[in-house]
Each structure stands twice: as structure tokens, then as C-alpha cells.
Amino acid sequence: MAYALSLRPMQQLLLDIRPPAQPELARFVVGRNVELMAQLQAMLEGTAAERMVYIWGVPGSGKSYLLAAWAHACQARGMTVELSGQQAAQAVIADQVEGWNDAQQHAGFAAFNRVREAGGLWLAAGNVAPAELPVMPELQTRLGWGLVFQLHGLDDAEKRAALSQHAETLGFRLEPPVADYLLNHTARDMQSLLRMLEALDRFSLEARRPITLPLLRQLLAGKTDQA
């Protein structure tokens, strides 16, 4: 006997893959960035010897998400946060500094000096190391004064491991073919992969079907087959 399944429209399920309202440090998969994450946590806790940090990495490595999550963590601890890198505050975050124009570079240079003198926190990011940034030499020097970390993106093996671990927290075992399909047919940044996995879990529960490759293909195809 066949029963009709009451599924939400597929469009709504796909809308549920939207980014969380606020990036969270807990959702950032550390991978090979253990030392960087320990430094950022020490800055939050007020125990860091160095309060100025610059991170660099290729597009898609997670720099912007990490900066936004760290800014949120600072705000949660009651700090004043400045997100443009142009003005001083208790915690200043400066993303994509390689794209700063002349006015932004001068403002960022002045803000860096004020934050350092006041003992505030500074976290900046760009796509290359400080010495390679297309900015004025004085700003290059300042950005290299503190600690400099390269943000290492996850390789495919690390992404599969992270997806499997997250699946376990959701209560199911992620089969290798499903993980491979996610990596090869969806956005490859870790946050998008985690959101897709969560959407797949919701779809499985609503459809009352196990998480399999055909179910994932159905979700990605946007179809609402009913039995």
C-alpha cells in the first residue's frame, strides 16, 4: 500500500540552506589551523601576548567567515567592534585589505596605530602575505608587525572527515558516495557543505527516507517525487 508523503515544497527546503543569521566560531572547521585558532581564542579571553594578527589565504579558504565569527564572539563579550578597519575600537576587523584604496589605506594605517597604542585587538585578512599586498609600504609594515598566519583550507580528505563528523552529530552515518557527490556537485567551501548536509538531513526526515545518493540527487534537482 502506498502512502502520499506530505513534503514541504522543494523550493522552501532549498531556501533553508541559506547562511545562518550570524557566523559562529563553533562552526568553523579548524583543520590545520590549530595555532591560529588558539591565538584568536586567547585574544578573546584576554590572555594573548600579541593582540595584532593578520591572516592570509586563497579565496574560499574561509577568511571572511572566520573574521565575521570572531567579530561576533567579540561582541558577545561586550567589546566595541569596528568592521571596516578604518576606525579604532576595542576590536577592529579588517577584511580584504588588498582591495583598499588610498583613502582606506591611510585610515587603516591610522586605526592600526591607535588600536596598538590603546592595547586593543586587531584582526585583518587578505589574499596574500603582508609583504605582497598592493598597499603603501607603511601599511605593509604595520600588518606584518604582529602575528601572521596562513589560513589553510581543508583538502578533500579533511572535508570528508568533517562532513562525516557533522553527520554523526545529526544522528546518521554519511556514506562515502554521498560525501563524494556533495564535494563534486555543490559549493566546496566548508560552510556551504555543512548547510547542504543539514538540508539533506531535514529532507530525509520529512520524506521518511534514509539518506542515500538518490535522495541527495532529488534534493539538488529540486524535484518532489511522491510515493
C-alpha atoms as a PDB file:
ATOM      1  CA  MET A   1       0.000   0.000   0.000  1.00  0.00           C
ATOM      2  CA  ALA A   2       1.410   3.385  -0.982  1.00  0.00           C
ATOM      3  CA  TYR A   3       1.098   6.447   1.206  1.00  0.00           C
ATOM      4  CA  ALA A   4       1.365  10.020  -0.020  1.00  0.00           C
ATOM      5  CA  LEU A   5       4.100  11.921   1.722  1.00  0.00           C
ATOM      6  CA  SER A   6       3.380  15.412   2.949  1.00  0.00           C
ATOM      7  CA  LEU A   7       6.540  17.248   1.926  1.00  0.00           C
ATOM      8  CA  ARG A   8       7.195  20.947   2.043  1.00  0.00           C
ATOM      9  CA  PRO A   9       7.819  22.427  -1.388  1.00  0.00           C
ATOM     10  CA  MET A  10      11.357  21.716  -2.539  1.00  0.00           C
ATOM     11  CA  GLN A  11      11.890  25.441  -3.071  1.00  0.00           C
ATOM     12  CA  GLN A  12      11.347  26.009   0.655  1.00  0.00           C
ATOM     13  CA  LEU A  13      13.802  23.253   1.525  1.00  0.00           C
ATOM     14  CA  LEU A  14      16.412  24.860  -0.677  1.00  0.00           C
ATOM     15  CA  LEU A  15      15.728  28.228   0.899  1.00  0.00           C
ATOM     16  CA  ASP A  16      16.530  26.589   4.227  1.00  0.00           C
ATOM     17  CA  ILE A  17      20.134  26.231   3.018  1.00  0.00           C
ATOM     18  CA  ARG A  18      20.574  29.979   3.458  1.00  0.00           C
ATOM     19  CA  PRO A  19      23.533  31.005   5.648  1.00  0.00           C
ATOM     20  CA  PRO A  20      22.941  31.173   9.397  1.00  0.00           C
ATOM     21  CA  ALA A  21      21.968  34.624  10.622  1.00  0.00           C
ATOM     22  CA  GLN A  22      25.297  35.001  12.373  1.00  0.00           C
ATOM     23  CA  PRO A  23      28.600  33.189  11.708  1.00  0.00           C
ATOM     24  CA  GLU A  24      29.808  31.227  14.722  1.00  0.00           C
ATOM     25  CA  LEU A  25      33.328  30.168  15.663  1.00  0.00           C
ATOM     26  CA  ALA A  26      31.952  26.771  16.683  1.00  0.00           C
ATOM     27  CA  ARG A  27      31.018  26.083  13.063  1.00  0.00           C
ATOM     28  CA  PHE A  28      34.480  26.851  11.712  1.00  0.00           C
ATOM     29  CA  VAL A  29      36.291  23.601  10.924  1.00  0.00           C
ATOM     30  CA  VAL A  30      39.810  24.085  12.276  1.00  0.00           C
ATOM     31  CA  GLY A  31      41.743  21.580  10.176  1.00  0.00           C
ATOM     32  CA  ARG A  32      45.426  22.559  10.059  1.00  0.00           C
ATOM     33  CA  ASN A  33      44.746  25.987  11.608  1.00  0.00           C
ATOM     34  CA  VAL A  34      45.078  24.922  15.244  1.00  0.00           C
ATOM     35  CA  GLU A  35      47.695  27.531  16.148  1.00  0.00           C
ATOM     36  CA  LEU A  36      45.682  30.358  14.594  1.00  0.00           C
ATOM     37  CA  MET A  37      42.503  29.344  16.401  1.00  0.00           C
ATOM     38  CA  ALA A  38      44.364  29.109  19.709  1.00  0.00           C
ATOM     39  CA  GLN A  39      45.646  32.651  19.174  1.00  0.00           C
ATOM     40  CA  LEU A  40      42.193  34.010  18.357  1.00  0.00           C
ATOM     41  CA  GLN A  41      40.732  32.321  21.434  1.00  0.00           C
ATOM     42  CA  ALA A  42      43.492  33.768  23.623  1.00  0.00           C
ATOM     43  CA  MET A  43      42.709  37.230  22.250  1.00  0.00           C
ATOM     44  CA  LEU A  44      39.068  36.761  23.172  1.00  0.00           C
ATOM     45  CA  GLU A  45      39.984  35.644  26.676  1.00  0.00           C
ATOM     46  CA  GLY A  46      42.462  38.481  27.206  1.00  0.00           C
ATOM     47  CA  THR A  47      45.426  36.157  27.675  1.00  0.00           C
ATOM     48  CA  ALA A  48      47.223  36.743  24.357  1.00  0.00           C
ATOM     49  CA  ALA A  49      50.700  38.260  24.473  1.00  0.00           C
ATOM     50  CA  GLU A  50      50.216  39.582  20.916  1.00  0.00           C
ATOM     51  CA  ARG A  51      46.958  41.353  20.071  1.00  0.00           C
ATOM     52  CA  MET A  52      47.556  42.165  16.391  1.00  0.00           C
ATOM     53  CA  VAL A  53      47.002  39.365  13.856  1.00  0.00           C
ATOM     54  CA  TYR A  54      46.982  39.177  10.080  1.00  0.00           C
ATOM     55  CA  ILE A  55      45.780  36.096   8.215  1.00  0.00           C
ATOM     56  CA  TRP A  56      46.044  35.368   4.525  1.00  0.00           C
ATOM     57  CA  GLY A  57      44.803  32.660   2.223  1.00  0.00           C
ATOM     58  CA  VAL A  58      43.321  31.953  -1.173  1.00  0.00           C
ATOM     59  CA  PRO A  59      39.666  32.806  -1.940  1.00  0.00           C
ATOM     60  CA  GLY A  60      37.340  30.191  -0.476  1.00  0.00           C
ATOM     61  CA  SER A  61      39.636  29.274   2.399  1.00  0.00           C
ATOM     62  CA  GLY A  62      37.180  30.725   4.929  1.00  0.00           C
ATOM     63  CA  LYS A  63      38.813  34.056   5.836  1.00  0.00           C
ATOM     64  CA  SER A  64      35.666  36.178   5.696  1.00  0.00           C
ATOM     65  CA  TYR A  65      33.587  33.671   7.657  1.00  0.00           C
ATOM     66  CA  LEU A  66      36.285  33.394  10.321  1.00  0.00           C
ATOM     67  CA  LEU A  67      36.578  37.163  10.685  1.00  0.00           C
ATOM     68  CA  ALA A  68      32.812  37.581  10.944  1.00  0.00           C
ATOM     69  CA  ALA A  69      32.554  34.782  13.506  1.00  0.00           C
ATOM     70  CA  TRP A  70      35.368  36.260  15.583  1.00  0.00           C
ATOM     71  CA  ALA A  71      33.740  39.704  15.433  1.00  0.00           C
ATOM     72  CA  HIS A  72      30.516  38.160  16.720  1.00  0.00           C
ATOM     73  CA  ALA A  73      32.423  36.486  19.549  1.00  0.00           C
ATOM     74  CA  CYS A  74      33.964  39.845  20.499  1.00  0.00           C
ATOM     75  CA  GLN A  75      30.534  41.483  20.531  1.00  0.00           C
ATOM     76  CA  ALA A  76      29.190  38.675  22.701  1.00  0.00           C
ATOM     77  CA  ARG A  77      31.883  39.546  25.236  1.00  0.00           C
ATOM     78  CA  GLY A  78      30.761  43.161  25.324  1.00  0.00           C
ATOM     79  CA  MET A  79      33.536  44.673  23.216  1.00  0.00           C
ATOM     80  CA  THR A  80      33.031  47.520  20.791  1.00  0.00           C
ATOM     81  CA  VAL A  81      33.741  46.178  17.321  1.00  0.00           C
ATOM     82  CA  GLU A  82      34.693  48.042  14.139  1.00  0.00           C
ATOM     83  CA  LEU A  83      34.271  46.025  10.945  1.00  0.00           C
ATOM     84  CA  SER A  84      35.813  48.246   8.272  1.00  0.00           C
ATOM     85  CA  GLY A  85      39.325  48.539   9.692  1.00  0.00           C
ATOM     86  CA  GLN A  86      39.062  52.295   9.282  1.00  0.00           C
ATOM     87  CA  GLN A  87      38.449  53.417  12.859  1.00  0.00           C
ATOM     88  CA  ALA A  88      39.727  52.444  16.281  1.00  0.00           C
ATOM     89  CA  ALA A  89      37.672  50.309  18.682  1.00  0.00           C
ATOM     90  CA  GLN A  90      38.276  47.639  21.307  1.00  0.00           C
ATOM     91  CA  ALA A  91      38.320  45.072  18.497  1.00  0.00           C
ATOM     92  CA  VAL A  92      38.958  46.026  14.874  1.00  0.00           C
ATOM     93  CA  ILE A  93      38.374  43.641  11.975  1.00  0.00           C
ATOM     94  CA  ALA A  94      39.713  44.447   8.510  1.00  0.00           C
ATOM     95  CA  ASP A  95      38.846  42.087   5.659  1.00  0.00           C
ATOM     96  CA  GLN A  96      40.095  42.096   2.046  1.00  0.00           C
ATOM     97  CA  VAL A  97      42.747  44.722   2.706  1.00  0.00           C
ATOM     98  CA  GLU A  98      44.264  44.002  -0.709  1.00  0.00           C
ATOM     99  CA  GLY A  99      41.350  45.966  -2.175  1.00  0.00           C
ATOM    100  CA  TRP A 100      41.747  49.125  -0.077  1.00  0.00           C
ATOM    101  CA  ASN A 101      42.055  52.392  -1.994  1.00  0.00           C
ATOM    102  CA  ASP A 102      44.433  55.170  -0.957  1.00  0.00           C
ATOM    103  CA  ALA A 103      41.996  56.770   1.498  1.00  0.00           C
ATOM    104  CA  GLN A 104      41.200  53.419   3.116  1.00  0.00           C
ATOM    105  CA  GLN A 105      44.886  52.584   3.408  1.00  0.00           C
ATOM    106  CA  HIS A 106      45.660  55.836   5.218  1.00  0.00           C
ATOM    107  CA  ALA A 107      42.640  55.414   7.505  1.00  0.00           C
ATOM    108  CA  GLY A 108      43.579  51.794   8.218  1.00  0.00           C
ATOM    109  CA  PHE A 109      47.164  52.803   8.969  1.00  0.00           C
ATOM    110  CA  ALA A 110      45.987  55.401  11.495  1.00  0.00           C
ATOM    111  CA  ALA A 111      43.472  52.983  13.032  1.00  0.00           C
ATOM    112  CA  PHE A 112      46.135  50.296  13.446  1.00  0.00           C
ATOM    113  CA  ASN A 113      48.403  52.703  15.332  1.00  0.00           C
ATOM    114  CA  ARG A 114      45.596  53.839  17.640  1.00  0.00           C
ATOM    115  CA  VAL A 115      44.483  50.287  18.398  1.00  0.00           C
ATOM    116  CA  ARG A 116      48.020  49.153  19.143  1.00  0.00           C
ATOM    117  CA  GLU A 117      48.683  52.115  21.435  1.00  0.00           C
ATOM    118  CA  ALA A 118      45.404  51.526  23.273  1.00  0.00           C
ATOM    119  CA  GLY A 119      46.027  47.800  23.722  1.00  0.00           C
ATOM    120  CA  GLY A 120      43.030  46.835  21.603  1.00  0.00           C
ATOM    121  CA  LEU A 121      42.564  43.819  19.350  1.00  0.00           C
ATOM    122  CA  TRP A 122      43.259  43.871  15.612  1.00  0.00           C
ATOM    123  CA  LEU A 123      42.421  41.104  13.140  1.00  0.00           C
ATOM    124  CA  ALA A 124      42.988  41.680   9.419  1.00  0.00           C
ATOM    125  CA  ALA A 125      42.902  39.415   6.386  1.00  0.00           C
ATOM    126  CA  GLY A 126      43.963  39.458   2.772  1.00  0.00           C
ATOM    127  CA  ASN A 127      44.646  37.113  -0.090  1.00  0.00           C
ATOM    128  CA  VAL A 128      48.458  37.349   0.156  1.00  0.00           C
ATOM    129  CA  ALA A 129      51.108  37.815   2.835  1.00  0.00           C
ATOM    130  CA  PRO A 130      51.713  41.402   4.072  1.00  0.00           C
ATOM    131  CA  ALA A 131      54.877  41.934   2.006  1.00  0.00           C
ATOM    132  CA  GLU A 132      52.950  41.111  -1.180  1.00  0.00           C
ATOM    133  CA  LEU A 133      49.942  43.342  -0.546  1.00  0.00           C
ATOM    134  CA  PRO A 134      49.380  46.139  -3.100  1.00  0.00           C
ATOM    135  CA  VAL A 135      49.243  48.799  -0.372  1.00  0.00           C
ATOM    136  CA  MET A 136      51.542  51.566   0.805  1.00  0.00           C
ATOM    137  CA  PRO A 137      54.781  50.329   2.423  1.00  0.00           C
ATOM    138  CA  GLU A 138      53.916  51.779   5.828  1.00  0.00           C
ATOM    139  CA  LEU A 139      50.727  49.733   5.972  1.00  0.00           C
ATOM    140  CA  GLN A 140      52.532  46.613   4.761  1.00  0.00           C
ATOM    141  CA  THR A 141      54.958  47.034   7.657  1.00  0.00           C
ATOM    142  CA  ARG A 142      52.197  47.530  10.232  1.00  0.00           C
ATOM    143  CA  LEU A 143      50.259  44.471   9.084  1.00  0.00           C
ATOM    144  CA  GLY A 144      53.403  42.381   9.469  1.00  0.00           C
ATOM    145  CA  TRP A 145      54.205  43.702  12.954  1.00  0.00           C
ATOM    146  CA  GLY A 146      52.006  41.249  14.797  1.00  0.00           C
ATOM    147  CA  LEU A 147      51.471  37.554  14.186  1.00  0.00           C
ATOM    148  CA  VAL A 148      50.947  36.432  10.587  1.00  0.00           C
ATOM    149  CA  PHE A 149      49.147  33.181   9.784  1.00  0.00           C
ATOM    150  CA  GLN A 150      48.388  31.493   6.514  1.00  0.00           C
ATOM    151  CA  LEU A 151      44.847  30.140   6.639  1.00  0.00           C
ATOM    152  CA  HIS A 152      44.941  26.619   5.253  1.00  0.00           C
ATOM    153  CA  GLY A 153      41.801  25.446   3.516  1.00  0.00           C
ATOM    154  CA  LEU A 154      40.703  21.861   4.005  1.00  0.00           C
ATOM    155  CA  ASP A 155      41.684  19.245   1.457  1.00  0.00           C
ATOM    156  CA  ASP A 156      39.070  16.776   0.237  1.00  0.00           C
ATOM    157  CA  ALA A 157      40.001  14.131   2.782  1.00  0.00           C
ATOM    158  CA  GLU A 158      39.625  16.650   5.621  1.00  0.00           C
ATOM    159  CA  LYS A 159      36.310  17.852   4.208  1.00  0.00           C
ATOM    160  CA  ARG A 160      35.001  14.283   4.043  1.00  0.00           C
ATOM    161  CA  ALA A 161      36.074  13.726   7.645  1.00  0.00           C
ATOM    162  CA  ALA A 162      34.420  16.959   8.756  1.00  0.00           C
ATOM    163  CA  LEU A 163      31.199  16.074   6.922  1.00  0.00           C
ATOM    164  CA  SER A 164      31.155  12.598   8.461  1.00  0.00           C
ATOM    165  CA  GLN A 165      31.703  14.039  11.923  1.00  0.00           C
ATOM    166  CA  HIS A 166      28.906  16.574  11.449  1.00  0.00           C
ATOM    167  CA  ALA A 167      26.598  13.850  10.150  1.00  0.00           C
ATOM    168  CA  GLU A 168      27.200  11.887  13.353  1.00  0.00           C
ATOM    169  CA  THR A 169      26.127  14.907  15.400  1.00  0.00           C
ATOM    170  CA  LEU A 170      22.935  14.963  13.319  1.00  0.00           C
ATOM    171  CA  GLY A 171      22.357  11.280  14.053  1.00  0.00           C
ATOM    172  CA  PHE A 172      23.214   9.467  10.840  1.00  0.00           C
ATOM    173  CA  ARG A 173      26.153   7.850   9.063  1.00  0.00           C
ATOM    174  CA  LEU A 174      27.288   9.606   5.914  1.00  0.00           C
ATOM    175  CA  GLU A 175      28.036   7.075   3.185  1.00  0.00           C
ATOM    176  CA  PRO A 176      31.151   7.782   1.064  1.00  0.00           C
ATOM    177  CA  PRO A 177      29.221   8.101  -2.259  1.00  0.00           C
ATOM    178  CA  VAL A 178      27.003  10.794  -0.709  1.00  0.00           C
ATOM    179  CA  ALA A 179      30.012  12.695   0.621  1.00  0.00           C
ATOM    180  CA  ASP A 180      31.759  12.461  -2.753  1.00  0.00           C
ATOM    181  CA  TYR A 181      28.669  13.743  -4.562  1.00  0.00           C
ATOM    182  CA  LEU A 182      28.405  16.699  -2.208  1.00  0.00           C
ATOM    183  CA  LEU A 183      32.043  17.593  -2.846  1.00  0.00           C
ATOM    184  CA  ASN A 184      31.720  17.280  -6.621  1.00  0.00           C
ATOM    185  CA  HIS A 185      28.305  18.836  -7.261  1.00  0.00           C
ATOM    186  CA  THR A 186      27.817  21.609  -4.686  1.00  0.00           C
ATOM    187  CA  ALA A 187      29.723  24.645  -3.439  1.00  0.00           C
ATOM    188  CA  ARG A 188      33.001  23.402  -1.998  1.00  0.00           C
ATOM    189  CA  ASP A 189      33.513  25.833   0.886  1.00  0.00           C
ATOM    190  CA  MET A 190      33.008  24.137   4.227  1.00  0.00           C
ATOM    191  CA  GLN A 191      30.134  26.282   5.471  1.00  0.00           C
ATOM    192  CA  SER A 192      28.093  25.650   2.298  1.00  0.00           C
ATOM    193  CA  LEU A 193      28.790  21.926   2.560  1.00  0.00           C
ATOM    194  CA  LEU A 194      27.628  21.826   6.184  1.00  0.00           C
ATOM    195  CA  ARG A 195      24.437  23.729   5.342  1.00  0.00           C
ATOM    196  CA  MET A 196      23.712  21.358   2.464  1.00  0.00           C
ATOM    197  CA  LEU A 197      24.223  18.369   4.753  1.00  0.00           C
ATOM    198  CA  GLU A 198      21.764  19.845   7.254  1.00  0.00           C
ATOM    199  CA  ALA A 199      19.219  20.462   4.483  1.00  0.00           C
ATOM    200  CA  LEU A 200      19.656  16.857   3.343  1.00  0.00           C
ATOM    201  CA  ASP A 201      19.019  15.656   6.892  1.00  0.00           C
ATOM    202  CA  ARG A 202      15.793  17.705   7.088  1.00  0.00           C
ATOM    203  CA  PHE A 203      14.659  16.420   3.703  1.00  0.00           C
ATOM    204  CA  SER A 204      15.318  12.843   4.799  1.00  0.00           C
ATOM    205  CA  LEU A 205      13.245  13.282   7.951  1.00  0.00           C
ATOM    206  CA  GLU A 206      10.348  14.900   6.101  1.00  0.00           C
ATOM    207  CA  ALA A 207      10.389  12.316   3.310  1.00  0.00           C
ATOM    208  CA  ARG A 208      10.836   9.480   5.839  1.00  0.00           C
ATOM    209  CA  ARG A 209      13.577   8.049   3.662  1.00  0.00           C
ATOM    210  CA  PRO A 210      17.184   7.181   4.528  1.00  0.00           C
ATOM    211  CA  ILE A 211      19.966   9.467   3.351  1.00  0.00           C
ATOM    212  CA  THR A 212      21.190   7.967   0.108  1.00  0.00           C
ATOM    213  CA  LEU A 213      22.692   9.206  -3.130  1.00  0.00           C
ATOM    214  CA  PRO A 214      19.303   9.160  -4.938  1.00  0.00           C
ATOM    215  CA  LEU A 215      17.785  11.265  -2.158  1.00  0.00           C
ATOM    216  CA  LEU A 216      20.599  13.798  -2.425  1.00  0.00           C
ATOM    217  CA  ARG A 217      20.189  13.939  -6.200  1.00  0.00           C
ATOM    218  CA  GLN A 218      16.484  14.548  -5.724  1.00  0.00           C
ATOM    219  CA  LEU A 219      17.167  17.408  -3.331  1.00  0.00           C
ATOM    220  CA  LEU A 220      19.666  19.031  -5.688  1.00  0.00           C
ATOM    221  CA  ALA A 221      17.391  18.531  -8.692  1.00  0.00           C
ATOM    222  CA  GLY A 222      14.577  20.335  -6.882  1.00  0.00           C
ATOM    223  CA  LYS A 223      12.040  17.574  -7.503  1.00  0.00           C
ATOM    224  CA  THR A 224       9.266  16.485  -5.148  1.00  0.00           C
ATOM    225  CA  ASP A 225       8.621  12.895  -6.174  1.00  0.00           C
ATOM    226  CA  GLN A 226       5.967  11.333  -4.014  1.00  0.00           C
ATOM    227  CA  ALA A 227       5.138   7.696  -3.433  1.00  0.00           C
END
